Amino acid sequence: MKKHIWVLLLVTLGLVFVASTAFSEMAKEGSHSGKNYSTGTTKAIPMGEERLHLTIEGSGIYVSDEEDGFLNNASMHLLGTLHAVKGVFEDSGFIVFNLPDGDNVYATWKGTGNLGKDAKGTITYVGGTGKYAGLTGGGEITRRHLPNASKNVWAAITIHNGNWKLP
């Protein structure tokens, strides 16, 4: 009899813990930091000796500095453009972060730098799906240029620091 009471008590406590974890509400805003690791390809349109225009496509993963942090373990897909004059460029584009729970986060980025060197810029969150619908915020990004992963495949690590907010 005592054994049944203990089993019933443990099962009840377990269900209470699982229910409270499953139904706990996500924070409505916060700060974040982390890195994304990405590779991709470009298509170039040379424009004389001083100008270059690229289309950029890439994919990768985002790892938050905190295990349960914003965007942790999201895969990502990005599309953008880069225009350089005498080796100095401006780039911009769009990113979809695919989170492990099936929701997506949408973002834009803008950056500047020198070809073959690190770049700095901003990221802006422009919405999402599921619990990220209406997401806003953004922050600073620093992209570390890495050696090509293979012929015609670029590689980079991008460091993120910023804030996010849900409606």
Protein backbone atom coordinates (compact mmCIF):
# COMPACT_ATOMS: atom_id res chain seq x y z
CA MET A 1 0.00 0.00 0.00
CA LYS A 2 2.77 2.44 0.95
CA LYS A 3 4.55 1.58 -2.30
CA HIS A 4 1.46 2.54 -4.33
CA ILE A 5 1.15 5.85 -2.48
CA TRP A 6 4.82 6.69 -3.25
CA VAL A 7 4.39 5.78 -6.90
CA LEU A 8 1.22 7.88 -7.13
CA LEU A 9 2.95 10.81 -5.40
CA LEU A 10 5.97 10.64 -7.73
CA VAL A 11 3.80 10.39 -10.84
CA THR A 12 1.72 13.37 -9.69
CA LEU A 13 4.80 15.49 -8.99
CA GLY A 14 6.25 14.51 -12.36
CA LEU A 15 3.08 15.53 -14.18
CA VAL A 16 2.97 18.87 -12.34
CA PHE A 17 6.62 19.55 -13.32
CA VAL A 18 6.06 18.59 -16.97
CA ALA A 19 2.87 20.64 -17.21
CA SER A 20 4.44 23.73 -15.64
CA THR A 21 7.45 23.47 -17.98
CA ALA A 22 5.34 22.87 -21.09
CA PHE A 23 2.96 25.74 -20.39
CA SER A 24 5.45 28.27 -19.05
CA GLU A 25 5.30 31.46 -21.07
CA MET A 26 8.27 32.62 -23.10
CA ALA A 27 9.82 35.94 -22.10
CA LYS A 28 8.51 38.88 -24.15
CA GLU A 29 11.90 40.54 -24.61
CA GLY A 30 15.57 40.02 -23.96
CA SER A 31 19.13 40.46 -25.03
CA HIS A 32 21.18 37.88 -26.87
CA SER A 33 24.66 37.06 -28.03
CA GLY A 34 26.01 34.21 -30.09
CA LYS A 35 27.62 33.18 -33.34
CA ASN A 36 26.50 31.84 -36.66
CA TYR A 37 28.73 29.61 -38.74
CA SER A 38 27.93 29.75 -42.43
CA THR A 39 29.14 28.83 -45.89
CA GLY A 40 27.80 29.70 -49.28
CA THR A 41 28.30 30.73 -52.85
CA THR A 42 28.33 33.93 -54.85
CA LYS A 43 27.69 34.95 -58.43
CA ALA A 44 29.75 37.88 -59.65
CA ILE A 45 29.16 40.62 -62.17
CA PRO A 46 32.51 42.36 -62.74
CA MET A 47 32.03 46.01 -63.56
CA GLY A 48 35.38 47.15 -64.90
CA GLU A 49 38.51 47.15 -62.80
CA GLU A 50 37.15 49.10 -59.84
CA ARG A 51 33.67 47.66 -59.25
CA LEU A 52 32.21 44.27 -58.41
CA HIS A 53 28.65 43.18 -57.68
CA LEU A 54 27.85 39.83 -56.05
CA THR A 55 24.72 37.89 -55.24
CA ILE A 56 25.20 35.89 -52.04
CA GLU A 57 23.51 32.69 -50.92
CA GLY A 58 24.47 30.80 -47.80
CA SER A 59 23.36 28.50 -45.03
CA GLY A 60 24.60 27.60 -41.60
CA ILE A 61 23.76 27.34 -37.92
CA TYR A 62 23.34 29.80 -35.07
CA VAL A 63 24.65 28.95 -31.60
CA SER A 64 23.67 31.17 -28.67
CA ASP A 65 26.17 31.94 -25.93
CA GLU A 66 23.54 30.52 -23.54
CA GLU A 67 22.23 26.96 -23.95
CA ASP A 68 18.59 28.08 -23.82
CA GLY A 69 19.26 31.45 -25.47
CA PHE A 70 17.44 33.21 -28.29
CA LEU A 71 17.84 31.39 -31.66
CA ASN A 72 20.03 28.64 -30.15
CA ASN A 73 20.61 25.73 -32.54
CA ALA A 74 18.69 27.37 -35.38
CA SER A 75 19.64 26.53 -38.94
CA MET A 76 19.66 29.48 -41.28
CA HIS A 77 19.37 30.39 -44.94
CA LEU A 78 20.45 33.76 -46.30
CA LEU A 79 20.26 35.68 -49.57
CA GLY A 80 21.89 39.01 -50.24
CA THR A 81 23.95 41.30 -52.42
CA LEU A 82 27.33 42.95 -52.13
CA HIS A 83 28.61 45.91 -54.13
CA ALA A 84 32.30 46.86 -53.95
CA VAL A 85 34.13 49.89 -55.27
CA LYS A 86 37.94 49.75 -55.10
CA GLY A 87 37.71 46.86 -52.60
CA VAL A 88 35.36 48.64 -50.16
CA PHE A 89 31.92 47.05 -50.01
CA GLU A 90 28.40 47.45 -48.72
CA ASP A 91 26.22 44.37 -48.42
CA SER A 92 22.66 43.64 -47.37
CA GLY A 93 20.25 40.77 -47.37
CA PHE A 94 17.66 38.60 -45.71
CA ILE A 95 17.93 35.66 -43.29
CA VAL A 96 15.47 32.97 -42.23
CA PHE A 97 16.37 31.27 -38.95
CA ASN A 98 14.69 27.83 -38.67
CA LEU A 99 14.33 26.99 -35.00
CA PRO A 100 14.32 23.45 -33.57
CA ASP A 101 10.64 23.79 -32.52
CA GLY A 102 9.56 24.49 -36.13
CA ASP A 103 9.09 28.26 -35.78
CA ASN A 104 10.99 30.73 -37.99
CA VAL A 105 12.56 34.13 -37.33
CA TYR A 106 13.02 36.61 -40.19
CA ALA A 107 15.79 39.20 -40.30
CA THR A 108 17.56 41.67 -42.57
CA TRP A 109 21.21 42.69 -42.43
CA LYS A 110 23.41 45.53 -43.66
CA GLY A 111 27.18 45.64 -43.48
CA THR A 112 30.36 47.31 -44.68
CA GLY A 113 33.97 46.29 -44.99
CA ASN A 114 36.88 45.54 -47.28
CA LEU A 115 36.94 42.51 -49.58
CA GLY A 116 38.71 39.59 -47.92
CA LYS A 117 38.60 41.21 -44.46
CA ASP A 118 36.25 41.27 -41.47
CA ALA A 119 33.04 43.30 -41.80
CA LYS A 120 30.73 45.10 -39.38
CA GLY A 121 27.03 45.75 -39.63
CA THR A 122 23.57 45.48 -38.17
CA ILE A 123 20.84 42.86 -38.07
CA THR A 124 17.14 43.76 -37.75
CA TYR A 125 14.45 41.23 -36.76
CA VAL A 126 11.36 41.77 -38.89
CA GLY A 127 9.00 39.03 -37.71
CA GLY A 128 8.55 35.31 -37.51
CA THR A 129 6.10 32.46 -37.24
CA GLY A 130 4.39 30.85 -34.26
CA LYS A 131 5.55 32.35 -30.99
CA TYR A 132 7.88 34.71 -32.93
CA ALA A 133 5.08 36.42 -34.89
CA GLY A 134 5.56 40.19 -34.58
CA LEU A 135 9.18 39.89 -33.42
CA THR A 136 11.22 43.12 -33.53
CA GLY A 137 14.69 44.14 -32.44
CA GLY A 138 18.19 43.78 -33.72
CA GLY A 139 21.78 44.49 -32.95
CA GLU A 140 25.36 44.58 -34.11
CA ILE A 141 27.13 41.90 -36.10
CA THR A 142 30.79 41.33 -36.89
CA ARG A 143 31.55 38.90 -39.70
CA ARG A 144 34.92 37.13 -39.57
CA HIS A 145 36.15 36.22 -43.04
CA LEU A 146 37.54 32.64 -43.20
CA PRO A 147 39.45 30.79 -45.92
CA ASN A 148 37.16 29.34 -48.58
CA ALA A 149 35.65 25.99 -47.58
CA SER A 150 36.31 24.72 -51.12
CA LYS A 151 36.64 26.25 -54.56
CA ASN A 152 33.99 28.98 -54.93
CA VAL A 153 32.52 28.34 -51.45
CA TRP A 154 33.02 31.12 -48.89
CA ALA A 155 33.02 30.56 -45.12
CA ALA A 156 32.42 32.97 -42.23
CA ILE A 157 31.69 33.25 -38.53
CA THR A 158 29.36 36.10 -37.58
CA ILE A 159 29.23 37.36 -33.99
CA HIS A 160 25.82 38.71 -32.87
CA ASN A 161 24.96 41.04 -29.96
CA GLY A 162 21.52 42.57 -29.64
CA ASN A 163 18.00 42.68 -28.28
CA TRP A 164 14.63 41.25 -29.29
CA LYS A 165 11.03 41.96 -28.36
CA LEU A 166 7.69 40.24 -28.89
CA PRO A 167 4.35 42.07 -28.99
